[in-house]
């Protein structure tokens, strides 16, 4: 049994997955997503004595991490947890191989303090922040000081495509496809270059201040570097994905955890904001010679951006269920050519495309006809369980 809830997270992601009775939380949108939707749901789980077996922060971006900051601020110390959390995956600065030497010099801490004072970005058009998590501590600090089992230990190792399969009860496992270690190191290099540009000359050692500044800077950088959707001008027709696809180059998105969650015979592909080329390369490496990989569901990368779903990736993967999480804000996601490319492929089964907001693209898709004559339907869900596993995942 595999089912999930895709919460309204504005332009972000928040997924609660029930895999054969094992609960996994992948991202949590903004703090308001947690207070409005997740907190009550997790309280009900806790009342039934059901823990979260795993919490995954795919990457450091405000629309993914904000609700997790609220959760871990709210969850209490060991022995007094609101809900038990068995393990957490989160790649922060201290999760990377350490190369710097010496302490963070006090004379140069001002740059880091300034970044921390700026805090995490808040949701677009949010007049009042219902909880102060965005402006507080890093997730790394919360996990360390509150004693969570973090990245298979104390958070000093990364979760990446080299990680071993993570096995839960009841035939549930998670296989990490990405990021590659080089993507995490590229984000760190960008961060070091930026703080040097801002005037920091001290040597960096793992510390709460460094953790806080790194995550807050990454969240702001992720919001600023996401490229807007720009479509080429085409006469008398809409552009296709093959014409508009351009590979993502955002270091923050490249650092995103992508994974396959398997529950018995069912499996789902969770892509975070990952780069399509990295996902395609890893799936091809793990399944050499396979022409098509079927999943019970695919969570489309980066809210349906045409920078993160390539024609080549869609040629390899398919599913009866697609998940698109966005309110259409900021960058106008999802890009319609991504949706059209999904449904334009021939299929013997009906594809169901699930949205958590009634976006312009979802409305347009309702009146669209597949070029291959394939059956599909459009669904908008809020706080409802989506049942997965209608089609065999063999292959």
Protein backbone atom coordinates (compact mmCIF):
# COMPACT_ATOMS: atom_id res chain seq x y z
CA UNK A 1 0.00 0.00 0.00
CA UNK A 2 1.40 3.33 -1.07
CA UNK A 3 -0.41 6.62 -0.62
CA UNK A 4 0.53 10.22 0.01
CA UNK A 5 -0.68 13.70 0.77
CA UNK A 6 0.59 16.64 -1.27
CA UNK A 7 -0.01 19.69 0.89
CA UNK A 8 -0.66 23.23 -0.37
CA UNK A 9 2.84 24.67 0.08
CA UNK A 10 2.54 27.78 -2.10
CA UNK A 11 5.43 27.54 -4.57
CA UNK A 12 7.05 24.75 -2.54
CA UNK A 13 6.90 21.03 -1.75
CA UNK A 14 5.47 19.09 1.20
CA UNK A 15 4.68 15.36 0.97
CA UNK A 16 3.59 12.91 3.67
CA UNK A 17 3.91 9.34 2.43
CA UNK A 18 2.33 6.23 3.94
CA UNK A 19 4.26 3.24 2.61
CA UNK A 20 2.83 0.01 4.04
CA UNK A 21 2.20 1.83 7.32
CA UNK A 22 5.63 3.48 7.43
CA UNK A 23 5.41 7.28 7.34
CA UNK A 24 7.98 9.39 5.50
CA UNK A 25 7.91 13.19 5.26
CA UNK A 26 9.62 14.75 2.24
CA UNK A 27 10.03 18.53 2.62
CA UNK A 28 7.46 20.70 4.37
CA UNK A 29 7.01 23.87 2.36
CA UNK A 30 7.03 27.07 4.40
CA UNK A 31 6.40 27.50 8.12
CA UNK A 32 2.77 28.29 7.32
CA UNK A 33 2.49 24.90 5.58
CA UNK A 34 3.46 23.23 8.82
CA UNK A 35 1.18 25.25 11.09
CA UNK A 36 -1.85 25.10 8.78
CA UNK A 37 -1.63 21.56 7.42
CA UNK A 38 1.12 19.38 8.85
CA UNK A 39 1.06 20.03 12.59
CA UNK A 40 -2.42 18.59 13.09
CA UNK A 41 -1.70 15.61 10.85
CA UNK A 42 1.48 14.75 12.75
CA UNK A 43 -0.32 15.15 16.07
CA UNK A 44 -2.84 12.53 14.95
CA UNK A 45 -0.02 10.16 14.02
CA UNK A 46 1.61 10.72 17.40
CA UNK A 47 -1.65 10.01 19.23
CA UNK A 48 -1.78 6.64 17.47
CA UNK A 49 1.81 5.94 18.46
CA UNK A 50 3.02 6.13 14.86
CA UNK A 51 6.41 7.81 14.33
CA UNK A 52 7.88 9.44 11.29
CA UNK A 53 10.36 6.82 10.12
CA UNK A 54 12.25 9.36 8.02
CA UNK A 55 12.18 13.09 7.32
CA UNK A 56 13.89 14.22 4.11
CA UNK A 57 14.96 17.79 3.41
CA UNK A 58 15.71 17.54 -0.30
CA UNK A 59 17.79 20.73 -0.37
CA UNK A 60 18.26 24.10 1.26
CA UNK A 61 15.56 26.24 -0.33
CA UNK A 62 13.01 28.28 1.59
CA UNK A 63 10.01 26.64 -0.09
CA UNK A 64 11.19 23.19 1.00
CA UNK A 65 12.94 23.78 4.34
CA UNK A 66 10.79 26.44 6.03
CA UNK A 67 8.17 24.00 7.32
CA UNK A 68 10.89 21.65 8.54
CA UNK A 69 12.41 24.45 10.60
CA UNK A 70 8.99 25.01 12.13
CA UNK A 71 8.55 21.28 12.79
CA UNK A 72 11.88 20.82 14.53
CA UNK A 73 11.49 24.06 16.50
CA UNK A 74 8.12 22.79 17.68
CA UNK A 75 8.87 19.12 18.27
CA UNK A 76 10.52 19.33 21.68
CA UNK A 77 13.63 17.78 23.24
CA UNK A 78 14.46 14.06 23.54
CA UNK A 79 11.98 12.30 25.79
CA UNK A 80 9.32 14.95 25.19
CA UNK A 81 8.87 14.83 21.43
CA UNK A 82 5.49 15.76 20.00
CA UNK A 83 6.14 13.03 17.43
CA UNK A 84 9.02 10.57 17.35
CA UNK A 85 11.28 10.94 14.32
CA UNK A 86 13.57 7.99 13.70
CA UNK A 87 15.92 9.56 11.15
CA UNK A 88 16.53 12.75 9.17
CA UNK A 89 18.25 13.33 5.83
CA UNK A 90 19.62 16.83 5.37
CA UNK A 91 22.78 17.92 3.59
CA UNK A 92 24.22 20.96 5.32
CA UNK A 93 27.75 22.33 5.34
CA UNK A 94 28.97 19.97 8.05
CA UNK A 95 27.77 16.99 5.97
CA UNK A 96 30.53 17.55 3.42
CA UNK A 97 34.15 16.36 3.67
CA UNK A 98 35.91 18.99 5.77
CA UNK A 99 38.77 20.81 4.06
CA UNK A 100 39.20 24.11 5.89
CA UNK A 101 41.57 24.59 8.81
CA UNK A 102 41.39 26.70 11.92
CA UNK A 103 38.61 28.53 13.69
CA UNK A 104 36.26 31.19 12.45
CA UNK A 105 38.12 34.40 13.34
CA UNK A 106 36.13 36.79 15.49
CA UNK A 107 37.32 39.86 13.60
CA UNK A 108 35.63 38.58 10.46
CA UNK A 109 32.45 37.07 11.91
CA UNK A 110 30.49 40.18 10.92
CA UNK A 111 29.74 38.90 7.42
CA UNK A 112 28.30 35.68 8.81
CA UNK A 113 26.30 37.57 11.44
CA UNK A 114 24.87 39.83 8.73
CA UNK A 115 23.77 36.84 6.67
CA UNK A 116 22.16 35.30 9.74
CA UNK A 117 20.30 38.52 10.58
CA UNK A 118 18.81 38.49 7.08
CA UNK A 119 17.32 35.08 7.90
CA UNK A 120 15.45 32.68 5.65
CA UNK A 121 13.20 34.05 2.88
CA UNK A 122 9.49 34.17 3.70
CA UNK A 123 6.72 33.09 1.31
CA UNK A 124 5.82 35.54 -1.45
CA UNK A 125 3.06 37.99 -0.46
CA UNK A 126 2.94 36.69 3.13
CA UNK A 127 2.10 39.69 5.26
CA UNK A 128 2.51 38.04 8.64
CA UNK A 129 4.83 35.12 9.31
CA UNK A 130 2.84 32.82 11.66
CA UNK A 131 5.96 31.33 13.20
CA UNK A 132 9.45 32.74 13.52
CA UNK A 133 11.28 29.67 12.26
CA UNK A 134 12.45 31.34 9.06
CA UNK A 135 14.44 33.88 11.01
CA UNK A 136 15.88 31.55 13.65
CA UNK A 137 18.42 28.76 13.65
CA UNK A 138 19.55 26.51 10.83
CA UNK A 139 18.09 23.06 10.48
CA UNK A 140 21.59 21.72 11.06
CA UNK A 141 21.75 23.37 14.48
CA UNK A 142 18.29 22.11 15.45
CA UNK A 143 19.12 18.53 14.47
CA UNK A 144 22.46 18.60 16.28
CA UNK A 145 21.33 20.24 19.51
CA UNK A 146 18.10 18.22 19.74
CA UNK A 147 19.85 14.88 19.28
CA UNK A 148 18.26 13.58 16.07
CA UNK A 149 19.70 10.67 14.09
CA UNK A 150 20.94 12.72 11.17
CA UNK A 151 22.36 11.33 7.91
CA UNK A 152 22.96 7.93 9.50
CA UNK A 153 24.75 9.49 12.46
CA UNK A 154 25.65 13.00 13.58
CA UNK A 155 25.23 14.73 10.23
CA UNK A 156 28.92 14.59 9.36
CA UNK A 157 28.36 12.56 6.19
CA UNK A 158 26.32 13.43 3.13
CA UNK A 159 23.31 11.71 1.63
CA UNK A 160 24.16 11.26 -2.05
CA UNK A 161 24.11 8.77 -4.89
CA UNK A 162 26.73 6.66 -3.10
CA UNK A 163 24.47 6.12 -0.06
CA UNK A 164 23.36 2.58 0.72
CA UNK A 165 19.66 1.68 0.39
CA UNK A 166 17.69 2.70 3.48
CA UNK A 167 15.51 -0.17 4.66
CA UNK A 168 12.32 0.24 6.70
CA UNK A 169 9.80 -2.31 7.95
CA UNK A 170 7.14 -3.94 5.77
CA UNK A 171 9.17 -4.19 2.56
CA UNK A 172 9.85 -0.47 2.33
CA UNK A 173 13.17 0.87 1.06
CA UNK A 174 14.56 4.13 -0.23
CA UNK A 175 17.28 4.34 -2.87
CA UNK A 176 19.07 7.66 -3.26
CA UNK A 177 19.66 8.72 -6.87
CA UNK A 178 21.26 12.06 -6.11
CA UNK A 179 22.80 14.45 -5.58
CA UNK A 180 26.31 13.65 -6.66
CA UNK A 181 28.94 14.71 -4.16
CA UNK A 182 30.33 17.12 -6.74
CA UNK A 183 27.00 19.01 -6.75
CA UNK A 184 27.19 19.51 -2.98
CA UNK A 185 30.79 20.63 -3.24
CA UNK A 186 29.89 23.08 -6.03
CA UNK A 187 27.31 24.72 -3.76
CA UNK A 188 29.87 24.98 -0.96
CA UNK A 189 32.40 26.52 -3.36
CA UNK A 190 29.83 29.11 -4.43
CA UNK A 191 29.13 29.93 -0.78
CA UNK A 192 32.82 30.33 0.07
CA UNK A 193 33.36 32.57 -2.94
CA UNK A 194 30.40 34.74 -1.93
CA UNK A 195 31.43 35.26 1.69
CA UNK A 196 34.97 36.12 0.55
CA UNK A 197 33.45 38.65 -1.84
CA UNK A 198 31.51 40.14 1.05
CA UNK A 199 34.71 40.56 3.02
CA UNK A 200 35.05 37.46 5.19
CA UNK A 201 38.72 36.54 5.58
CA UNK A 202 38.56 34.17 8.53
CA UNK A 203 39.08 30.43 8.35
CA UNK A 204 35.91 28.41 8.74
CA UNK A 205 35.32 25.65 11.25
CA UNK A 206 32.05 23.85 11.94
CA UNK A 207 30.04 26.08 14.26
CA UNK A 208 26.44 27.09 14.84
CA UNK A 209 27.09 30.49 13.27
CA UNK A 210 28.57 28.94 10.13
CA UNK A 211 25.68 26.44 9.91
CA UNK A 212 23.12 29.22 10.27
CA UNK A 213 24.77 31.54 7.76
CA UNK A 214 25.28 28.77 5.20
CA UNK A 215 21.66 27.60 5.20
CA UNK A 216 20.22 31.10 5.20
CA UNK A 217 22.49 32.14 2.33
CA UNK A 218 21.67 28.98 0.34
CA UNK A 219 17.93 29.57 0.77
CA UNK A 220 18.22 33.14 -0.48
CA UNK A 221 20.51 32.10 -3.34
CA UNK A 222 18.06 29.39 -4.42
CA UNK A 223 15.25 31.92 -4.61
CA UNK A 224 17.35 34.39 -6.58
CA UNK A 225 18.99 32.03 -9.08
CA UNK A 226 15.88 30.19 -10.26
CA UNK A 227 15.60 31.35 -13.85
CA UNK A 228 12.21 32.63 -15.03
CA UNK A 229 10.42 30.66 -17.70
CA UNK A 230 11.17 32.17 -21.10
CA UNK A 231 9.53 30.64 -24.15
CA UNK A 232 10.74 31.10 -27.72
CA UNK A 233 8.35 32.80 -30.10
CA UNK A 234 6.58 30.29 -32.31
CA UNK A 235 4.15 31.17 -35.08
CA UNK A 236 0.65 29.60 -34.96
CA UNK A 237 1.53 26.90 -32.41
CA UNK A 238 2.72 26.31 -28.89
CA UNK A 239 6.38 25.44 -28.35
CA UNK A 240 7.21 21.85 -27.46
CA UNK A 241 9.37 20.69 -24.59
CA UNK A 242 12.02 19.63 -27.11
CA UNK A 243 12.19 23.25 -28.25
CA UNK A 244 12.16 24.94 -24.84
CA UNK A 245 14.09 22.54 -22.62
CA UNK A 246 17.28 24.06 -21.23
CA UNK A 247 19.22 22.22 -18.50
CA UNK A 248 19.07 23.77 -15.04
CA UNK A 249 22.34 25.26 -13.79
CA UNK A 250 21.30 26.30 -10.27
CA UNK A 251 23.79 24.90 -7.76
CA UNK A 252 21.04 24.79 -5.12
CA UNK A 253 18.78 22.67 -7.32
CA UNK A 254 21.70 20.48 -8.33
CA UNK A 255 22.22 19.65 -4.65
CA UNK A 256 18.67 18.28 -4.30
CA UNK A 257 18.10 14.77 -2.95
CA UNK A 258 16.22 12.61 -5.46
CA UNK A 259 15.16 9.09 -4.61
CA UNK A 260 13.08 6.03 -5.36
CA UNK A 261 10.75 4.86 -2.58
CA UNK A 262 9.64 1.23 -2.90
CA UNK A 263 6.82 -0.42 -0.95
CA UNK A 264 6.41 -4.04 -1.97
CA UNK A 265 5.58 -4.03 -5.69
CA UNK A 266 4.97 -0.28 -5.81
CA UNK A 267 7.58 2.41 -6.23
CA UNK A 268 7.58 6.16 -6.67
CA UNK A 269 10.15 8.55 -8.06
CA UNK A 270 10.67 11.68 -5.97
CA UNK A 271 12.75 14.24 -7.83
CA UNK A 272 12.87 17.30 -5.58
CA UNK A 273 14.34 20.09 -7.70
CA UNK A 274 17.02 17.84 -9.21
CA UNK A 275 18.74 18.27 -12.55
CA UNK A 276 17.23 16.02 -15.23
CA UNK A 277 20.63 14.96 -16.58
CA UNK A 278 21.79 13.72 -13.18
CA UNK A 279 18.59 11.71 -12.66
CA UNK A 280 18.76 10.25 -16.16
CA UNK A 281 22.43 9.30 -15.79
CA UNK A 282 21.85 7.59 -12.45
CA UNK A 283 18.76 5.66 -13.57
CA UNK A 284 20.57 4.56 -16.72
CA UNK A 285 23.60 3.47 -14.71
CA UNK A 286 21.44 1.41 -12.35
CA UNK A 287 19.25 -0.08 -15.08
CA UNK A 288 21.54 -0.64 -18.08
CA UNK A 289 19.75 -1.58 -21.28
CA UNK A 290 16.29 -0.76 -19.91
CA UNK A 291 14.13 1.08 -22.43
CA UNK A 292 11.44 2.21 -19.98
CA UNK A 293 11.11 2.36 -16.20
CA UNK A 294 7.58 2.27 -14.80
CA UNK A 295 6.73 3.79 -11.44
CA UNK A 296 3.51 4.01 -9.47
CA UNK A 297 4.02 7.77 -9.31
CA UNK A 298 6.49 10.44 -10.36
CA UNK A 299 6.87 13.68 -8.45
CA UNK A 300 7.88 16.04 -11.24
CA UNK A 301 11.06 18.02 -10.51
CA UNK A 302 11.06 21.69 -9.61
CA UNK A 303 7.31 22.25 -9.73
CA UNK A 304 7.08 21.38 -13.43
CA UNK A 305 9.80 23.72 -14.67
CA UNK A 306 11.00 23.07 -18.22
CA UNK A 307 14.55 23.43 -16.89
CA UNK A 308 14.27 20.17 -14.90
CA UNK A 309 12.27 17.72 -17.05
CA UNK A 310 13.97 16.78 -20.31
CA UNK A 311 12.50 14.87 -23.27
CA UNK A 312 15.19 12.24 -22.71
CA UNK A 313 14.12 11.69 -19.10
CA UNK A 314 10.46 11.37 -20.12
CA UNK A 315 11.49 8.82 -22.76
CA UNK A 316 12.82 6.61 -19.96
CA UNK A 317 10.27 7.02 -17.15
CA UNK A 318 6.48 6.76 -16.99
CA UNK A 319 3.74 6.32 -14.41
CA UNK A 320 -0.05 6.36 -14.06
CA UNK A 321 0.28 9.18 -11.52
CA UNK A 322 2.16 12.47 -11.76
CA UNK A 323 2.46 14.96 -8.91
CA UNK A 324 2.93 18.69 -9.56
CA UNK A 325 3.31 20.85 -6.47
CA UNK A 326 2.99 24.61 -6.97
CA UNK A 327 0.51 27.47 -6.79
CA UNK A 328 1.89 28.92 -10.01
CA UNK A 329 3.57 31.78 -8.17
CA UNK A 330 7.05 33.26 -8.64
CA UNK A 331 8.03 31.66 -11.95
CA UNK A 332 4.68 30.64 -13.42
CA UNK A 333 5.23 26.93 -12.86
CA UNK A 334 4.33 24.44 -14.13
CA UNK A 335 5.41 25.07 -17.70
CA UNK A 336 2.65 23.79 -19.96
CA UNK A 337 5.04 22.15 -22.42
CA UNK A 338 6.15 19.80 -19.61
CA UNK A 339 2.56 18.74 -18.97
CA UNK A 340 1.89 18.31 -22.68
CA UNK A 341 5.02 16.20 -23.10
CA UNK A 342 3.84 13.91 -20.29
CA UNK A 343 0.42 13.22 -21.79
CA UNK A 344 1.47 13.24 -25.46
CA UNK A 345 3.25 9.89 -25.11
CA UNK A 346 1.35 6.73 -26.11
CA UNK A 347 0.09 4.66 -23.17
CA UNK A 348 -2.25 1.73 -22.56
CA UNK A 349 -3.31 3.18 -19.19
CA UNK A 350 -4.79 6.45 -18.00
CA UNK A 351 -2.38 8.99 -16.56
CA UNK A 352 -3.67 11.00 -13.62
CA UNK A 353 -2.01 14.36 -13.07
CA UNK A 354 -2.43 15.68 -9.54
CA UNK A 355 -2.03 19.34 -8.64
CA UNK A 356 -2.32 20.95 -5.22
CA UNK A 357 -3.58 24.24 -6.68
CA UNK A 358 -5.88 25.17 -9.53
CA UNK A 359 -3.15 26.72 -11.68
CA UNK A 360 -3.60 28.20 -15.13
CA UNK A 361 -1.64 25.28 -16.57
CA UNK A 362 -3.91 22.74 -14.85
CA UNK A 363 -6.99 24.50 -16.21
CA UNK A 364 -5.53 24.56 -19.70
CA UNK A 365 -4.61 20.88 -19.54
CA UNK A 366 -8.26 19.94 -18.94
CA UNK A 367 -9.16 21.06 -22.44
CA UNK A 368 -6.03 19.63 -24.07
CA UNK A 369 -6.07 16.48 -26.21
CA UNK A 370 -3.10 14.12 -26.23
CA UNK A 371 -1.35 14.04 -29.59
CA UNK A 372 -1.01 10.28 -29.15
CA UNK A 373 -4.64 9.84 -28.15
CA UNK A 374 -3.55 8.75 -24.66
CA UNK A 375 -6.05 8.96 -21.82
CA UNK A 376 -5.37 11.36 -18.95
CA UNK A 377 -7.25 13.25 -16.27
CA UNK A 378 -6.55 16.31 -14.14
CA UNK A 379 -7.13 16.36 -10.38
CA UNK A 380 -6.69 19.14 -7.82
CA UNK A 381 -6.32 17.82 -4.27
CA UNK A 382 -5.83 19.47 -0.90
CA UNK A 383 -5.17 17.52 2.31
CA UNK A 384 -6.47 14.32 0.68
CA UNK A 385 -4.77 10.95 0.43
CA UNK A 386 -3.76 10.01 -3.10
CA UNK A 387 -3.81 6.24 -3.55
CA UNK A 388 -0.96 4.93 -5.68
CA UNK A 389 -0.05 1.56 -7.13
CA UNK A 390 -2.60 1.02 -9.91
CA UNK A 391 -0.08 -0.11 -12.53
CA UNK A 392 2.66 -2.73 -12.30
CA UNK A 393 6.15 -1.33 -11.83
CA UNK A 394 7.98 -4.18 -13.49
CA UNK A 395 10.97 -3.23 -15.62
